[in-house]
């Protein structure tokens, strides 16, 4: 019984991750306005860190590296877009 559940999860998890990733991208693109500058966030950095952590966790839990990469990227993107970057003025810029 549990083997069937794990087989289903292994088959469905990449499709669920892709669907959630598309939903996040569509929500972000719908929120953008043409004349408004998009707010700065840590989405890209979150995706990079999520891919690294997803690879490590996926390979350590049983050679599911592909699923680990996709889920890590999705979770990293979701967390990274929730964290806003600080506004940096001219006095805070490093020279």
Protein backbone atom coordinates (compact mmCIF):
# COMPACT_ATOMS: atom_id res chain seq x y z
CA UNK A 1 0.00 0.00 0.00
CA UNK A 2 2.70 2.51 0.95
CA UNK A 3 4.74 1.50 -2.09
CA UNK A 4 1.84 2.55 -4.31
CA UNK A 5 1.62 5.93 -2.57
CA UNK A 6 5.36 6.54 -2.99
CA UNK A 7 5.18 5.53 -6.66
CA UNK A 8 2.33 7.98 -7.20
CA UNK A 9 4.20 10.78 -5.42
CA UNK A 10 7.34 10.15 -7.48
CA UNK A 11 5.29 10.37 -10.67
CA UNK A 12 3.13 13.36 -9.71
CA UNK A 13 5.57 15.56 -7.78
CA UNK A 14 7.43 17.02 -10.80
CA UNK A 15 4.12 17.94 -12.46
CA UNK A 16 2.84 19.55 -9.27
CA UNK A 17 6.08 21.52 -8.93
CA UNK A 18 5.86 22.72 -12.53
CA UNK A 19 2.26 23.80 -12.05
CA UNK A 20 3.09 25.75 -8.90
CA UNK A 21 6.08 27.37 -10.61
CA UNK A 22 3.89 28.48 -13.52
CA UNK A 23 1.33 29.87 -11.08
CA UNK A 24 4.03 31.91 -9.30
CA UNK A 25 5.41 33.26 -12.58
CA UNK A 26 1.92 34.18 -13.85
CA UNK A 27 1.07 35.93 -10.60
CA UNK A 28 4.31 37.90 -10.72
CA UNK A 29 3.85 38.93 -14.36
CA UNK A 30 0.21 39.92 -13.83
CA UNK A 31 1.21 42.14 -10.92
CA UNK A 32 3.72 44.11 -12.98
CA UNK A 33 2.61 47.38 -14.47
CA UNK A 34 4.12 48.73 -17.66
CA UNK A 35 5.21 52.10 -16.30
CA UNK A 36 6.03 50.93 -12.78
CA UNK A 37 9.43 49.57 -11.82
CA UNK A 38 9.16 46.08 -10.28
CA UNK A 39 10.04 45.86 -6.59
CA UNK A 40 13.38 44.36 -5.70
CA UNK A 41 13.31 41.01 -3.96
CA UNK A 42 15.52 37.99 -3.45
CA UNK A 43 13.74 35.69 -5.93
CA UNK A 44 16.84 34.88 -7.99
CA UNK A 45 19.02 34.30 -4.97
CA UNK A 46 16.33 32.11 -3.41
CA UNK A 47 16.11 29.99 -6.56
CA UNK A 48 19.89 29.47 -6.61
CA UNK A 49 20.07 28.50 -2.95
CA UNK A 50 16.97 26.33 -3.29
CA UNK A 51 18.51 24.42 -6.21
CA UNK A 52 21.67 23.77 -4.21
CA UNK A 53 19.80 22.64 -1.11
CA UNK A 54 17.31 20.62 -3.17
CA UNK A 55 20.15 18.79 -4.91
CA UNK A 56 21.81 17.98 -1.60
CA UNK A 57 18.61 16.81 0.06
CA UNK A 58 17.37 14.89 -2.98
CA UNK A 59 20.62 12.99 -3.43
CA UNK A 60 20.97 12.22 0.27
CA UNK A 61 17.42 10.86 0.53
CA UNK A 62 17.65 8.34 -2.26
CA UNK A 63 18.92 9.64 -5.59
CA UNK A 64 15.91 11.85 -6.39
CA UNK A 65 18.11 14.69 -7.58
CA UNK A 66 15.72 15.91 -10.28
CA UNK A 67 12.78 16.20 -7.92
CA UNK A 68 15.02 17.84 -5.31
CA UNK A 69 16.22 20.45 -7.79
CA UNK A 70 12.73 21.36 -8.98
CA UNK A 71 11.17 21.50 -5.52
CA UNK A 72 14.16 23.37 -4.10
CA UNK A 73 13.94 25.97 -6.85
CA UNK A 74 10.20 26.39 -6.31
CA UNK A 75 10.48 26.76 -2.54
CA UNK A 76 13.47 29.09 -2.87
CA UNK A 77 11.59 31.29 -5.36
CA UNK A 78 8.54 31.46 -3.11
CA UNK A 79 10.59 32.42 -0.05
CA UNK A 80 12.83 34.81 -1.99
CA UNK A 81 9.92 36.78 -3.45
CA UNK A 82 8.45 37.28 0.01
CA UNK A 83 11.61 39.01 1.26
CA UNK A 84 12.00 42.58 -0.01
CA UNK A 85 15.41 44.18 -0.53
CA UNK A 86 16.23 47.32 1.39
CA UNK A 87 16.06 50.65 -0.36
CA UNK A 88 19.61 51.83 -0.82
CA UNK A 89 20.31 55.52 -1.14
CA UNK A 90 23.45 57.20 -2.38
CA UNK A 91 24.83 57.43 1.14
CA UNK A 92 24.58 53.63 1.56
CA UNK A 93 26.25 52.69 -1.73
CA UNK A 94 29.66 51.15 -1.50
CA UNK A 95 32.36 52.79 -3.58
